[in-house]
Amino acid sequence: MEKQIRGVLKGIDYQNPLTVYRGEKIRRIIDFLGGKGGKIPLELAIDTFYVFYLPLPVMSEEADPSSRNYQVLKYLMKSPSLHSIKGKTLIDPFMSGLAASVFLAEYESLEEVQRSKHPRSAESSGESKEESEVRRIVEKAVVNTMIDIEHVRRLKSVMEGLEPGSISQLSFEEYGPELLRLARNTDVRKILELIEGLKPWELGLKKKSERHKHGEIGGYELGRDVERLTPSSRILPDELFYLRFLTSRLLLYEKRVEESLGPIYVLLDKCLHGDTLVELSTGRLKPLREIRVGYEVVSAQFTGNGDPRVSSAMVVELVEDVKPVYGLRTEAGVVKASGNHIIPVSENASTVLKYASEIRPGELLYAYDRKGDGFKPVRLLEKTLLGVEKVYDVRLDRDHFFTANSILVHNSGSMDGVKITWAKAVALGLYIRAIREHREFYIRFFDSQPYPLIKVGRRPRAREVVDLMNYIARVKGSGGTDISRALITASTDIRTGASGETSDIVLITDGVDRIAEQHVSYNLKRAGASLYSVMIMGENPSLKKVSAKYFSVAKLGRSSALKIIEVR
């Protein structure tokens, strides 16, 4: 005989197979989260689910008030933070299951920590020591649950294209743990913050239509097509009706059908010479090729009036690539840098950031003065293109500047940090737009070579969208850019897809390498694709020539992202 499941809530059929399934699923998700789902009583998992799911759950009169399960649920239902969570879980089995899983996993973890400590005294004479600790643990678990569920809600909304129901609710059930893992990803949270508050009506949706007698009503016109007659034309006297028929003056409905659009295809672009000497915060000089993660280097913070002030920063990532290299000869020495490496320049009593390829002889750079323990302006005497060489760069945990042969430079690393996060947010915004326009969505990251293509169909499936989110979260910024190769690959993808419809390629990059203009233009034309280029903090004249629209973005924020997402 099977063991009877007895919970503490009133009106729940604990023997119902669906009820049991929900409880078992919660325990499996807890295992996925690194907890011990098998140790959670099945009846507690079921009861927790229904506390989040039901509008007003009620305790059973037959339940034992002294039991652990009763105490946990009692303080959960009394928590002042519960209503914030229930606004996202009410009558929603998917969100309720996730909320119950997170809460019980958090509760289990906090309870284990508490067991290892000396019990605290009760805070009121009406509570035992045990009850007081249960209440504290429950409240902490509820707060952590509230944070996770809010991020899951925002992520799910984006995945649905801000259009609830565009993806089957049942489809999401299978991928709940993956959504939770993604929602806890720091990069994903930063991306969601950038597009938070994006409204469907802000997207400026592209809708092309053509006349068709079997389309939707879009207005009125005069003519003689009897299949589109308005009621007022149908009741005209015969003589007047035939007169207007002969003169094509009958009032008709104007009917139109929307043209099918091809995919939105996003291409997202995901460095100093090895012999360059870098100043460590210890005062030692070390070749850039020998720098390692964890080293602390001399860096700079810029004051309100634009002057650099000495600071220090830690190396968190190393980057290497093969690129065209410039030799910059200054009053303080020579430094080698790739064309898209950013260097601070003193200009009109302030500091501006320029690419090495843009700097001209006579401009003032900054050199580290070891004796004065600060930075001083030095003039660029000569700039020479040395050819293609292996180049190196670093990423720092703060300040983002370091010295290279005494010259102050930015830890460019191409599309890194804020730039790659902003670019990913724009890509997600364009995905939302594609869903609302019932278009396919393609995305491919690239650097010196294209990376795998991810596709989402006109009717997105949960698996496709989860793969897209995993792809966006996983890719990190790195050096190296081959824009021509990426554009030709995208054109080929669209052409071989045989869509036969107008497509849009949105290229997001900070690369300044020259484009093979004729070859790229030919491939775009063959694919029937329009190129919209987004240049982050720089200019690329050859890319501008092959673009239908070209955007130069100087400030990375929500307004600039929205401008790209709205592109028509």
Protein backbone atom coordinates (compact mmCIF):
# COMPACT_ATOMS: atom_id res chain seq x y z
CA MET A 1 0.00 0.00 0.00
CA GLU A 2 1.37 3.41 -1.01
CA LYS A 3 2.22 5.89 1.72
CA GLN A 4 -0.40 8.63 2.06
CA ILE A 5 0.94 12.15 1.55
CA ARG A 6 -0.34 14.60 4.15
CA GLY A 7 0.39 18.30 3.86
CA VAL A 8 -0.67 21.26 5.98
CA LEU A 9 -2.79 23.19 3.45
CA LYS A 10 -6.55 22.94 3.22
CA GLY A 11 -8.26 21.75 0.01
CA ILE A 12 -5.20 20.20 -1.71
CA ASP A 13 -5.55 16.68 -3.17
CA TYR A 14 -2.12 15.34 -2.22
CA GLN A 15 -2.72 11.95 -3.91
CA ASN A 16 -3.49 13.51 -7.32
CA PRO A 17 -0.76 12.47 -9.84
CA LEU A 18 -0.39 16.07 -11.08
CA THR A 19 0.12 17.31 -7.52
CA VAL A 20 2.72 14.61 -6.85
CA TYR A 21 4.46 15.43 -10.16
CA ARG A 22 4.76 19.10 -9.19
CA GLY A 23 6.33 18.20 -5.86
CA GLU A 24 8.79 15.75 -7.42
CA LYS A 25 9.76 18.30 -10.06
CA ILE A 26 10.55 20.89 -7.39
CA ARG A 27 12.87 18.40 -5.70
CA ARG A 28 14.64 17.73 -9.02
CA ILE A 29 15.16 21.45 -9.61
CA ILE A 30 16.62 21.76 -6.10
CA ASP A 31 19.13 19.05 -7.05
CA PHE A 32 19.97 21.07 -10.20
CA LEU A 33 20.58 24.13 -8.03
CA GLY A 34 23.14 22.21 -6.01
CA GLY A 35 20.87 21.43 -3.09
CA LYS A 36 19.65 18.11 -1.72
CA GLY A 37 16.17 17.75 -3.13
CA GLY A 38 15.83 14.21 -1.81
CA LYS A 39 15.96 15.53 1.76
CA ILE A 40 13.00 17.87 1.18
CA PRO A 41 9.74 16.16 2.22
CA LEU A 42 7.46 15.74 -0.78
CA GLU A 43 4.51 17.25 1.11
CA LEU A 44 6.60 20.37 1.93
CA ALA A 45 7.51 20.78 -1.74
CA ILE A 46 3.83 20.50 -2.73
CA ASP A 47 2.65 22.91 -0.02
CA THR A 48 5.31 25.49 -0.94
CA PHE A 49 4.23 25.33 -4.58
CA TYR A 50 0.61 26.08 -3.69
CA VAL A 51 1.55 28.92 -1.32
CA PHE A 52 3.02 30.70 -4.36
CA TYR A 53 0.35 29.47 -6.79
CA LEU A 54 -2.93 30.08 -4.93
CA PRO A 55 -4.40 33.55 -4.23
CA LEU A 56 -5.14 32.77 -0.58
CA PRO A 57 -3.87 29.42 0.73
CA VAL A 58 -5.32 28.32 4.07
CA MET A 59 -3.81 26.06 6.73
CA SER A 60 -5.69 22.89 7.58
CA GLU A 61 -7.21 22.63 11.07
CA GLU A 62 -5.91 19.06 11.29
CA ALA A 63 -2.25 20.02 10.74
CA ASP A 64 0.22 19.86 13.64
CA PRO A 65 1.29 23.46 14.51
CA SER A 66 4.50 22.20 16.11
CA SER A 67 5.77 20.39 12.99
CA ARG A 68 8.70 21.78 11.01
CA ASN A 69 6.69 21.94 7.78
CA TYR A 70 3.92 23.90 9.49
CA GLN A 71 6.39 26.40 10.96
CA VAL A 72 8.14 26.99 7.61
CA LEU A 73 4.87 27.56 5.75
CA LYS A 74 3.42 29.71 8.53
CA TYR A 75 6.32 32.17 8.42
CA LEU A 76 6.44 32.02 4.61
CA MET A 77 2.78 33.07 4.43
CA LYS A 78 3.42 35.83 6.99
CA SER A 79 6.45 37.21 5.18
CA PRO A 80 5.96 40.86 4.08
CA SER A 81 7.98 40.09 0.92
CA LEU A 82 5.71 37.25 -0.22
CA HIS A 83 3.23 39.52 -2.03
CA SER A 84 6.03 40.85 -4.26
CA ILE A 85 6.80 37.32 -5.43
CA LYS A 86 3.15 36.28 -5.82
CA GLY A 87 2.60 39.10 -8.30
CA LYS A 88 4.76 37.01 -10.66
CA THR A 89 3.68 33.48 -9.62
CA LEU A 90 -0.09 33.70 -9.02
CA ILE A 91 -1.95 31.00 -11.03
CA ASP A 92 1.26 30.42 -13.01
CA PRO A 93 2.50 26.83 -12.50
CA PHE A 94 5.84 27.50 -14.21
CA MET A 95 6.83 30.52 -12.08
CA SER A 96 5.31 28.98 -8.92
CA GLY A 97 7.41 25.85 -9.38
CA LEU A 98 10.60 27.89 -9.81
CA ALA A 99 9.78 30.09 -6.80
CA ALA A 100 9.14 27.03 -4.61
CA SER A 101 12.38 25.42 -5.80
CA VAL A 102 14.50 28.51 -5.11
CA PHE A 103 12.87 29.11 -1.72
CA LEU A 104 13.38 25.54 -0.49
CA ALA A 105 16.95 25.39 -1.84
CA GLU A 106 17.76 28.69 -0.08
CA TYR A 107 16.02 27.55 3.12
CA GLU A 108 17.92 24.25 3.15
CA SER A 109 21.26 26.02 2.61
CA LEU A 110 20.63 28.65 5.29
CA GLU A 111 19.40 26.04 7.76
CA GLU A 112 22.59 24.00 7.35
CA VAL A 113 24.68 27.11 8.04
CA GLN A 114 22.57 27.86 11.12
CA ARG A 115 23.01 24.35 12.50
CA SER A 116 26.77 24.87 12.53
CA LYS A 117 26.39 28.00 14.69
CA HIS A 118 25.31 28.52 18.26
CA PRO A 119 21.52 29.04 18.36
CA ARG A 120 20.39 32.61 18.87
CA SER A 121 18.02 33.56 21.65
CA ALA A 122 14.35 34.15 20.90
CA GLU A 123 13.33 37.67 20.10
CA SER A 124 10.00 37.54 21.87
CA SER A 125 8.51 35.67 24.78
CA GLY A 126 5.86 34.18 22.47
CA GLU A 127 8.42 32.35 20.31
CA SER A 128 10.63 29.40 21.14
CA LYS A 129 14.27 29.54 20.12
CA GLU A 130 13.57 27.09 17.29
CA GLU A 131 10.60 29.12 15.99
CA SER A 132 12.65 32.31 16.07
CA GLU A 133 15.41 30.74 13.94
CA VAL A 134 12.88 29.30 11.47
CA ARG A 135 11.36 32.75 11.03
CA ARG A 136 14.75 34.38 10.41
CA ILE A 137 15.79 31.72 7.90
CA VAL A 138 12.44 31.87 6.07
CA GLU A 139 12.66 35.66 5.70
CA LYS A 140 16.20 35.49 4.28
CA ALA A 141 15.15 32.74 1.87
CA VAL A 142 12.11 34.77 0.73
CA VAL A 143 14.26 37.83 -0.03
CA ASN A 144 16.71 35.74 -2.10
CA THR A 145 13.78 34.09 -3.89
CA MET A 146 12.26 37.49 -4.71
CA ILE A 147 15.51 38.60 -6.42
CA ASP A 148 15.83 35.41 -8.50
CA ILE A 149 12.17 35.33 -9.56
CA GLU A 150 12.26 38.99 -10.66
CA HIS A 151 15.24 38.26 -12.92
CA VAL A 152 13.54 35.12 -14.30
CA ARG A 153 10.41 37.18 -15.06
CA ARG A 154 12.42 39.80 -16.95
CA LEU A 155 14.36 37.14 -18.86
CA LYS A 156 11.18 35.24 -19.79
CA SER A 157 9.54 38.46 -20.98
CA VAL A 158 12.49 39.20 -23.28
CA MET A 159 12.51 35.62 -24.59
CA GLU A 160 8.82 35.99 -25.49
CA GLY A 161 9.55 39.20 -27.35
CA LEU A 162 7.55 41.24 -24.78
CA GLU A 163 4.57 39.32 -26.16
CA PRO A 164 3.27 36.80 -23.58
CA GLY A 165 2.11 33.59 -25.19
CA SER A 166 4.39 33.80 -28.25
CA ILE A 167 6.15 30.73 -26.83
CA SER A 168 4.10 27.89 -25.38
CA GLN A 169 3.96 27.87 -21.58
CA LEU A 170 4.36 24.10 -21.69
CA SER A 171 7.58 24.53 -23.68
CA PHE A 172 9.08 26.63 -20.90
CA GLU A 173 8.32 23.95 -18.29
CA GLU A 174 11.16 21.79 -19.62
CA TYR A 175 13.74 24.59 -19.43
CA GLY A 176 12.93 26.11 -16.03
CA PRO A 177 16.30 25.23 -14.42
CA GLU A 178 18.20 26.65 -17.42
CA LEU A 179 16.24 29.91 -17.23
CA LEU A 180 17.06 30.15 -13.54
CA ARG A 181 20.76 29.58 -14.22
CA LEU A 182 20.73 32.24 -16.94
CA ALA A 183 18.86 34.69 -14.70
CA ARG A 184 21.63 34.31 -12.10
CA ASN A 185 24.34 35.05 -14.69
CA THR A 186 25.91 38.45 -13.97
CA ASP A 187 26.37 39.31 -17.66
CA VAL A 188 22.73 38.46 -18.43
CA ARG A 189 21.56 40.68 -15.58
CA LYS A 190 23.59 43.62 -16.91
CA ILE A 191 22.11 43.10 -20.39
CA LEU A 192 18.56 42.96 -19.01
CA GLU A 193 19.18 46.19 -17.07
CA LEU A 194 20.07 47.98 -20.32
CA ILE A 195 16.82 46.97 -22.03
CA GLU A 196 14.67 47.14 -18.90
CA GLY A 197 11.52 49.14 -19.54
CA LEU A 198 11.63 48.68 -23.31
CA LYS A 199 8.04 49.07 -24.51
CA PRO A 200 6.59 47.31 -27.58
CA TRP A 201 5.34 50.63 -28.98
CA GLU A 202 8.89 52.02 -28.85
CA LEU A 203 10.14 49.53 -31.40
CA GLY A 204 8.91 51.36 -34.50
CA LEU A 205 7.94 48.08 -36.17
CA LYS A 206 8.54 47.80 -39.89
CA LYS A 207 5.35 46.86 -41.74
CA LYS A 208 5.22 46.73 -45.51
CA SER A 209 1.95 45.87 -47.19
CA GLU A 210 0.45 45.59 -50.63
CA ARG A 211 -3.10 45.82 -51.98
CA HIS A 212 -5.01 42.56 -52.17
CA LYS A 213 -8.76 42.01 -52.38
CA HIS A 214 -8.60 39.20 -49.79
CA GLY A 215 -6.50 41.14 -47.27
CA GLU A 216 -7.42 43.02 -44.11
CA ILE A 217 -9.42 46.25 -44.20
CA GLY A 218 -7.04 49.20 -44.16
CA GLY A 219 -9.23 52.07 -45.28
CA TYR A 220 -11.61 53.13 -48.06
CA GLU A 221 -11.34 53.92 -51.76
CA LEU A 222 -13.52 54.43 -54.83
CA GLY A 223 -13.85 51.79 -57.54
CA ARG A 224 -16.08 49.08 -59.03
CA ASP A 225 -14.88 45.84 -57.33
CA VAL A 226 -18.19 44.39 -56.04
CA GLU A 227 -16.37 41.96 -53.70
CA ARG A 228 -15.23 44.91 -51.57
CA LEU A 229 -18.46 46.91 -51.41
CA THR A 230 -19.24 48.77 -48.19
CA PRO A 231 -22.76 48.43 -46.66
CA SER A 232 -23.60 52.00 -47.75
CA SER A 233 -22.87 51.11 -51.39
CA ARG A 234 -24.99 47.94 -51.20
CA ILE A 235 -28.17 49.85 -50.27
CA LEU A 236 -27.96 52.46 -53.05
CA PRO A 237 -30.93 52.66 -55.47
CA ASP A 238 -30.32 50.60 -58.61
CA GLU A 239 -29.99 53.59 -60.96
CA LEU A 240 -27.43 55.32 -58.71
CA PHE A 241 -25.59 52.07 -58.04
CA TYR A 242 -25.08 51.28 -61.75
CA LEU A 243 -24.13 54.87 -62.52
CA ARG A 244 -21.40 54.78 -59.89
CA PHE A 245 -20.39 51.30 -61.02
CA LEU A 246 -19.88 52.50 -64.59
CA THR A 247 -17.89 55.53 -63.43
CA SER A 248 -15.88 53.55 -60.79
CA ARG A 249 -17.30 55.74 -58.03
CA LEU A 250 -18.59 53.07 -55.61
CA LEU A 251 -17.27 53.25 -52.03
CA LEU A 252 -15.11 50.17 -51.40
CA TYR A 253 -13.01 48.79 -48.59
CA GLU A 254 -9.30 49.11 -49.24
CA LYS A 255 -7.75 45.75 -48.33
CA ARG A 256 -4.06 45.04 -47.83
CA VAL A 257 -1.86 42.10 -46.89
CA GLU A 258 1.46 42.47 -45.09
CA GLU A 259 4.54 41.53 -47.06
CA SER A 260 6.62 38.76 -45.58
CA LEU A 261 10.03 40.00 -44.38
CA GLY A 262 13.31 38.12 -44.34
CA PRO A 263 15.42 37.61 -41.23
CA ILE A 264 17.08 40.19 -39.02
CA TYR A 265 20.69 39.05 -39.00
CA VAL A 266 22.95 40.42 -36.24
CA LEU A 267 26.71 40.28 -36.66
CA LEU A 268 28.35 41.09 -33.34
CA ASP A 269 32.07 41.81 -33.09
CA LYS A 270 33.13 40.11 -30.02
CA CYS A 271 45.81 44.90 -28.94
CA LEU A 272 49.99 46.23 -28.23
CA HIS A 273 53.26 44.65 -29.37
CA GLY A 274 54.84 41.86 -27.28
CA ASP A 275 58.13 43.65 -26.68
CA THR A 276 56.38 46.70 -25.19
CA LEU A 277 57.41 47.29 -21.56
CA VAL A 278 54.67 47.62 -18.95
CA GLU A 279 55.20 49.40 -15.63
CA LEU A 280 54.22 47.24 -12.64
CA SER A 281 53.01 48.92 -9.45
CA THR A 282 56.19 47.59 -7.77
CA GLY A 283 58.27 49.83 -10.07
CA ARG A 284 59.57 46.95 -12.21
CA LEU A 285 59.27 46.92 -16.02
CA LYS A 286 58.07 43.75 -17.73
CA PRO A 287 57.51 42.91 -21.45
CA LEU A 288 53.82 42.84 -22.32
CA ARG A 289 54.07 39.27 -23.63
CA GLU A 290 55.20 38.15 -20.13
CA ILE A 291 52.40 39.85 -18.20
CA ARG A 292 50.14 37.36 -16.37
CA VAL A 293 46.68 37.46 -14.80
CA GLY A 294 46.95 38.80 -11.25
CA TYR A 295 49.79 41.25 -11.93
CA GLU A 296 49.22 44.77 -10.61
CA VAL A 297 50.20 47.51 -13.06
CA VAL A 298 50.48 51.30 -12.97
CA SER A 299 47.17 52.74 -14.16
CA ALA A 300 45.47 56.14 -14.31
CA GLN A 301 42.28 57.82 -13.14
CA PHE A 302 41.17 61.01 -14.87
CA THR A 303 40.16 63.97 -12.71
CA GLY A 304 37.21 66.25 -13.41
CA ASN A 305 39.37 68.58 -15.51
CA GLY A 306 40.72 65.67 -17.59
CA ASP A 307 44.16 65.25 -16.02
CA PRO A 308 45.47 61.68 -15.43
CA ARG A 309 46.28 60.74 -11.85
CA VAL A 310 48.42 57.69 -11.00
CA SER A 311 46.56 54.63 -9.67
CA SER A 312 46.98 50.86 -9.91
CA ALA A 313 44.86 48.06 -11.39
CA MET A 314 44.98 44.26 -11.61
CA VAL A 315 45.24 42.27 -14.84
CA VAL A 316 42.19 40.01 -15.24
CA GLU A 317 42.58 38.81 -18.85
CA LEU A 318 45.23 38.55 -21.58
CA VAL A 319 44.50 39.12 -25.30
CA GLU A 320 46.65 38.41 -28.34
CA ASP A 321 46.02 38.70 -32.09
CA VAL A 322 47.64 39.45 -35.46
CA LYS A 323 46.96 42.97 -36.77
CA PRO A 324 48.47 45.91 -38.69
CA VAL A 325 50.82 47.71 -36.28
CA TYR A 326 51.83 51.41 -36.05
CA GLY A 327 55.09 52.67 -34.61
CA LEU A 328 54.51 55.85 -32.55
CA ARG A 329 57.69 57.83 -31.85
CA THR A 330 57.26 60.37 -29.06
CA GLU A 331 59.51 62.65 -27.03
CA ALA A 332 59.54 59.89 -24.39
CA GLY A 333 60.30 56.97 -26.70
CA VAL A 334 58.63 54.59 -29.17
CA VAL A 335 55.55 52.42 -28.63
CA LYS A 336 53.94 49.95 -31.04
CA ALA A 337 50.16 49.56 -31.16
CA SER A 338 47.45 48.17 -33.46
CA GLY A 339 45.32 50.69 -35.37
CA ASN A 340 42.23 50.22 -33.18
CA HIS A 341 44.10 50.54 -29.89
CA ILE A 342 42.76 53.50 -27.90
CA ILE A 343 45.19 56.13 -26.59
CA PRO A 344 44.32 59.20 -24.45
CA VAL A 345 45.31 62.50 -26.10
CA SER A 346 45.60 65.92 -24.42
CA GLU A 347 43.50 68.34 -26.44
CA ASN A 348 42.20 71.84 -25.57
CA ALA A 349 42.91 71.49 -21.84
CA SER A 350 40.99 68.18 -21.67
CA THR A 351 41.53 64.54 -22.58
CA VAL A 352 39.98 62.73 -25.55
CA LEU A 353 40.32 59.08 -26.54
CA LYS A 354 41.55 58.33 -30.06
CA TYR A 355 42.49 55.24 -32.02
CA ALA A 356 46.18 54.86 -32.80
CA SER A 357 45.25 55.01 -36.49
CA GLU A 358 43.66 58.47 -35.98
CA ILE A 359 46.45 60.16 -34.01
CA ARG A 360 48.59 62.63 -35.98
CA PRO A 361 52.16 63.86 -35.39
CA GLY A 362 52.17 66.98 -33.22
CA GLU A 363 49.40 65.76 -30.88
CA LEU A 364 50.11 65.39 -27.16
CA LEU A 365 50.09 61.96 -25.48
CA TYR A 366 50.78 61.18 -21.81
CA ALA A 367 54.01 59.65 -20.53
CA TYR A 368 54.64 58.24 -17.05
CA ASP A 369 57.21 60.33 -15.15
CA ARG A 370 58.86 57.97 -12.66
CA LYS A 371 60.75 60.77 -10.93
CA GLY A 372 57.74 63.02 -10.56
CA ASP A 373 55.44 60.03 -9.91
CA GLY A 374 52.82 61.32 -12.34
CA PHE A 375 51.99 61.81 -16.03
CA LYS A 376 53.29 64.56 -18.29
CA PRO A 377 52.30 65.55 -21.86
CA VAL A 378 54.72 64.41 -24.60
CA ARG A 379 54.49 65.23 -28.30
CA LEU A 380 54.03 62.58 -31.00
CA LEU A 381 56.91 63.16 -33.41
CA GLU A 382 56.30 60.47 -36.03
CA LYS A 383 53.81 57.70 -36.89
CA THR A 384 54.73 54.81 -39.19
CA LEU A 385 52.74 51.78 -40.42
CA LEU A 386 55.09 48.87 -39.70
CA GLY A 387 53.07 46.02 -41.22
CA VAL A 388 51.15 43.03 -39.79
CA GLU A 389 52.53 41.65 -36.51
CA LYS A 390 51.40 39.73 -33.46
CA VAL A 391 49.99 42.12 -30.88
CA TYR A 392 49.10 41.81 -27.19
CA ASP A 393 46.73 43.52 -24.80
CA VAL A 394 45.37 43.13 -21.29
CA ARG A 395 42.07 43.75 -19.52
CA LEU A 396 42.12 45.39 -16.09
CA ASP A 397 39.69 45.17 -13.19
CA ARG A 398 39.37 48.98 -12.92
CA ASP A 399 40.55 52.32 -14.39
CA HIS A 400 41.37 50.52 -17.71
CA PHE A 401 44.62 52.33 -18.54
CA PHE A 402 48.22 51.15 -18.30
CA THR A 403 51.66 52.29 -19.47
CA ALA A 404 53.35 50.86 -22.56
CA ASN A 405 56.99 51.98 -22.96
CA SER A 406 56.00 54.79 -20.56
CA ILE A 407 53.09 55.97 -22.83
CA LEU A 408 49.61 55.85 -21.26
CA VAL A 409 47.25 53.62 -23.28
CA HIS A 410 43.79 52.10 -22.83
CA ASN A 411 43.34 48.36 -22.22
CA SER A 412 41.36 48.20 -25.47
CA GLY A 413 40.93 44.47 -26.01
CA SER A 414 38.52 45.45 -28.80
CA MET A 415 34.87 44.72 -27.87
CA ASP A 416 35.34 44.28 -24.10
CA GLY A 417 33.52 45.22 -20.89
CA VAL A 418 30.77 47.80 -21.26
CA LYS A 419 30.93 47.74 -25.07
CA ILE A 420 30.23 44.01 -25.45
CA THR A 421 27.43 44.21 -22.84
CA TRP A 422 25.81 47.13 -24.69
CA ALA A 423 26.17 45.31 -28.02
CA LYS A 424 24.53 42.17 -26.58
CA ALA A 425 21.66 44.28 -25.24
CA VAL A 426 21.12 45.76 -28.72
CA ALA A 427 21.16 42.24 -30.19
CA LEU A 428 18.46 41.15 -27.72
CA GLY A 429 16.41 44.23 -28.54
CA LEU A 430 16.61 43.32 -32.23
CA TYR A 431 15.52 39.77 -31.35
CA ILE A 432 12.44 41.24 -29.64
CA ARG A 433 11.73 43.25 -32.75
CA ALA A 434 12.09 40.19 -35.00
CA ILE A 435 9.59 38.26 -32.87
CA ARG A 436 7.04 41.07 -33.02
CA GLU A 437 7.49 41.41 -36.80
CA HIS A 438 7.16 37.62 -37.23
CA ARG A 439 10.62 37.40 -38.76
CA GLU A 440 13.44 34.93 -38.36
CA PHE A 441 16.34 36.07 -36.19
CA TYR A 442 19.96 35.14 -36.86
CA ILE A 443 22.99 36.04 -34.75
CA ARG A 444 26.64 35.30 -35.29
CA PHE A 445 29.56 36.55 -33.21
CA PHE A 446 32.86 37.13 -34.95
CA ASP A 447 36.40 38.33 -34.39
CA SER A 448 39.13 37.32 -36.84
CA GLN A 449 36.77 34.50 -37.86
CA PRO A 450 32.99 33.92 -37.72
CA TYR A 451 31.57 31.81 -34.87
CA PRO A 452 28.60 29.38 -35.06
CA LEU A 453 25.27 30.74 -36.32
CA ILE A 454 22.25 30.69 -34.01
CA LYS A 455 18.76 30.85 -35.58
CA VAL A 456 15.33 31.52 -34.10
CA GLY A 457 12.34 30.85 -36.37
CA ARG A 458 9.28 33.00 -37.08
CA ARG A 459 7.42 30.94 -34.49
CA PRO A 460 10.11 30.59 -31.83
CA ARG A 461 10.50 27.38 -29.91
CA ALA A 462 11.67 27.41 -26.31
CA ARG A 463 14.78 25.36 -27.17
CA GLU A 464 15.85 27.88 -29.84
CA VAL A 465 15.45 30.84 -27.52
CA VAL A 466 17.25 29.14 -24.60
CA ASP A 467 20.15 28.33 -26.96
CA LEU A 468 20.20 31.97 -28.06
CA MET A 469 20.37 33.22 -24.47
CA ASN A 470 23.09 30.71 -23.58
CA TYR A 471 25.09 31.81 -26.63
CA ILE A 472 24.82 35.50 -25.78
CA ALA A 473 25.73 34.90 -22.13
CA ARG A 474 28.70 32.66 -22.93
CA VAL A 475 30.60 34.76 -25.50
CA LYS A 476 33.23 37.13 -24.10
CA GLY A 477 34.92 40.06 -25.82
CA SER A 478 38.30 39.41 -27.41
CA GLY A 479 40.71 41.04 -29.85
CA GLY A 480 40.72 40.54 -33.60
CA THR A 481 38.29 41.74 -36.26
CA ASP A 482 37.64 40.68 -39.86
CA ILE A 483 34.52 42.59 -40.89
CA SER A 484 34.65 41.69 -44.59
CA ARG A 485 34.75 37.98 -43.85
CA ALA A 486 31.86 38.27 -41.38
CA LEU A 487 29.67 40.22 -43.85
CA ILE A 488 30.34 37.78 -46.70
CA THR A 489 29.50 34.85 -44.40
CA ALA A 490 26.22 36.54 -43.37
CA SER A 491 25.30 37.23 -46.99
CA THR A 492 25.92 33.59 -47.86
CA ASP A 493 23.79 32.43 -44.91
CA ILE A 494 20.86 34.55 -46.10
CA ARG A 495 21.25 33.59 -49.75
CA THR A 496 21.45 29.84 -49.07
CA GLY A 497 18.49 30.12 -46.71
CA ALA A 498 16.35 30.70 -49.83
CA SER A 499 14.04 33.12 -48.06
CA GLY A 500 13.57 35.23 -51.19
CA GLU A 501 12.64 38.17 -48.98
CA THR A 502 14.24 41.45 -48.00
CA SER A 503 16.65 40.91 -45.13
CA ASP A 504 18.47 43.24 -42.74
CA ILE A 505 22.03 42.70 -41.53
CA VAL A 506 22.91 44.69 -38.42
CA LEU A 507 26.67 44.83 -37.84
CA ILE A 508 27.86 45.95 -34.39
CA THR A 509 31.60 46.57 -34.18
CA ASP A 510 34.38 48.85 -33.04
CA GLY A 511 36.75 47.59 -35.74
CA VAL A 512 38.57 50.07 -37.95
CA ASP A 513 39.99 47.61 -40.49
CA ARG A 514 39.39 48.46 -44.14
CA ILE A 515 36.50 46.70 -45.88
CA ALA A 516 36.76 44.92 -49.25
CA GLU A 517 34.06 47.27 -50.53
CA GLN A 518 33.35 45.81 -53.97
CA HIS A 519 33.34 42.20 -52.78
CA VAL A 520 31.10 42.98 -49.79
CA SER A 521 28.67 45.11 -51.86
CA TYR A 522 28.38 42.35 -54.46
CA ASN A 523 27.54 39.73 -51.82
CA LEU A 524 24.99 41.99 -50.08
CA LYS A 525 23.26 42.61 -53.40
CA ARG A 526 23.12 38.90 -54.25
CA ALA A 527 21.59 38.19 -50.84
CA GLY A 528 19.03 41.01 -51.20
CA ALA A 529 20.19 42.34 -47.83
CA SER A 530 20.46 45.87 -46.44
CA LEU A 531 23.44 46.57 -44.17
CA TYR A 532 22.97 48.68 -41.04
CA SER A 533 26.33 49.34 -39.39
CA VAL A 534 26.78 50.36 -35.76
CA MET A 535 30.25 51.74 -35.07
CA ILE A 536 31.06 51.94 -31.36
CA MET A 537 33.30 54.82 -30.32
CA GLY A 538 35.07 55.27 -33.63
CA GLU A 539 34.74 55.68 -37.38
CA ASN A 540 35.19 53.34 -40.34
CA PRO A 541 34.88 55.22 -43.68
CA SER A 542 35.05 52.11 -45.88
CA LEU A 543 32.31 50.40 -43.84
CA LYS A 544 30.18 53.52 -44.16
CA LYS A 545 30.36 53.31 -47.97
CA VAL A 546 28.79 49.83 -48.12
CA SER A 547 26.10 50.51 -45.48
CA ALA A 548 22.47 51.41 -46.17
CA LYS A 549 22.57 53.20 -42.80
CA TYR A 550 25.58 53.94 -40.61
CA PHE A 551 25.44 54.83 -36.93
CA SER A 552 28.36 56.13 -34.90
CA VAL A 553 27.73 55.58 -31.18
CA ALA A 554 29.69 57.71 -28.70
CA LYS A 555 27.66 57.06 -25.53
CA LEU A 556 26.62 53.56 -24.55
CA GLY A 557 23.23 53.70 -22.86
CA ARG A 558 19.57 52.83 -23.25
CA SER A 559 18.77 55.77 -25.58
CA SER A 560 21.53 54.87 -28.06
CA ALA A 561 20.50 51.20 -27.93
CA LEU A 562 16.88 52.11 -28.66
CA LYS A 563 17.97 54.20 -31.64
CA ILE A 564 19.55 51.11 -33.21
CA ILE A 565 16.65 48.80 -32.33
CA GLU A 566 14.21 51.23 -34.01
CA VAL A 567 16.21 51.36 -37.25
CA ARG A 568 13.94 51.24 -40.33
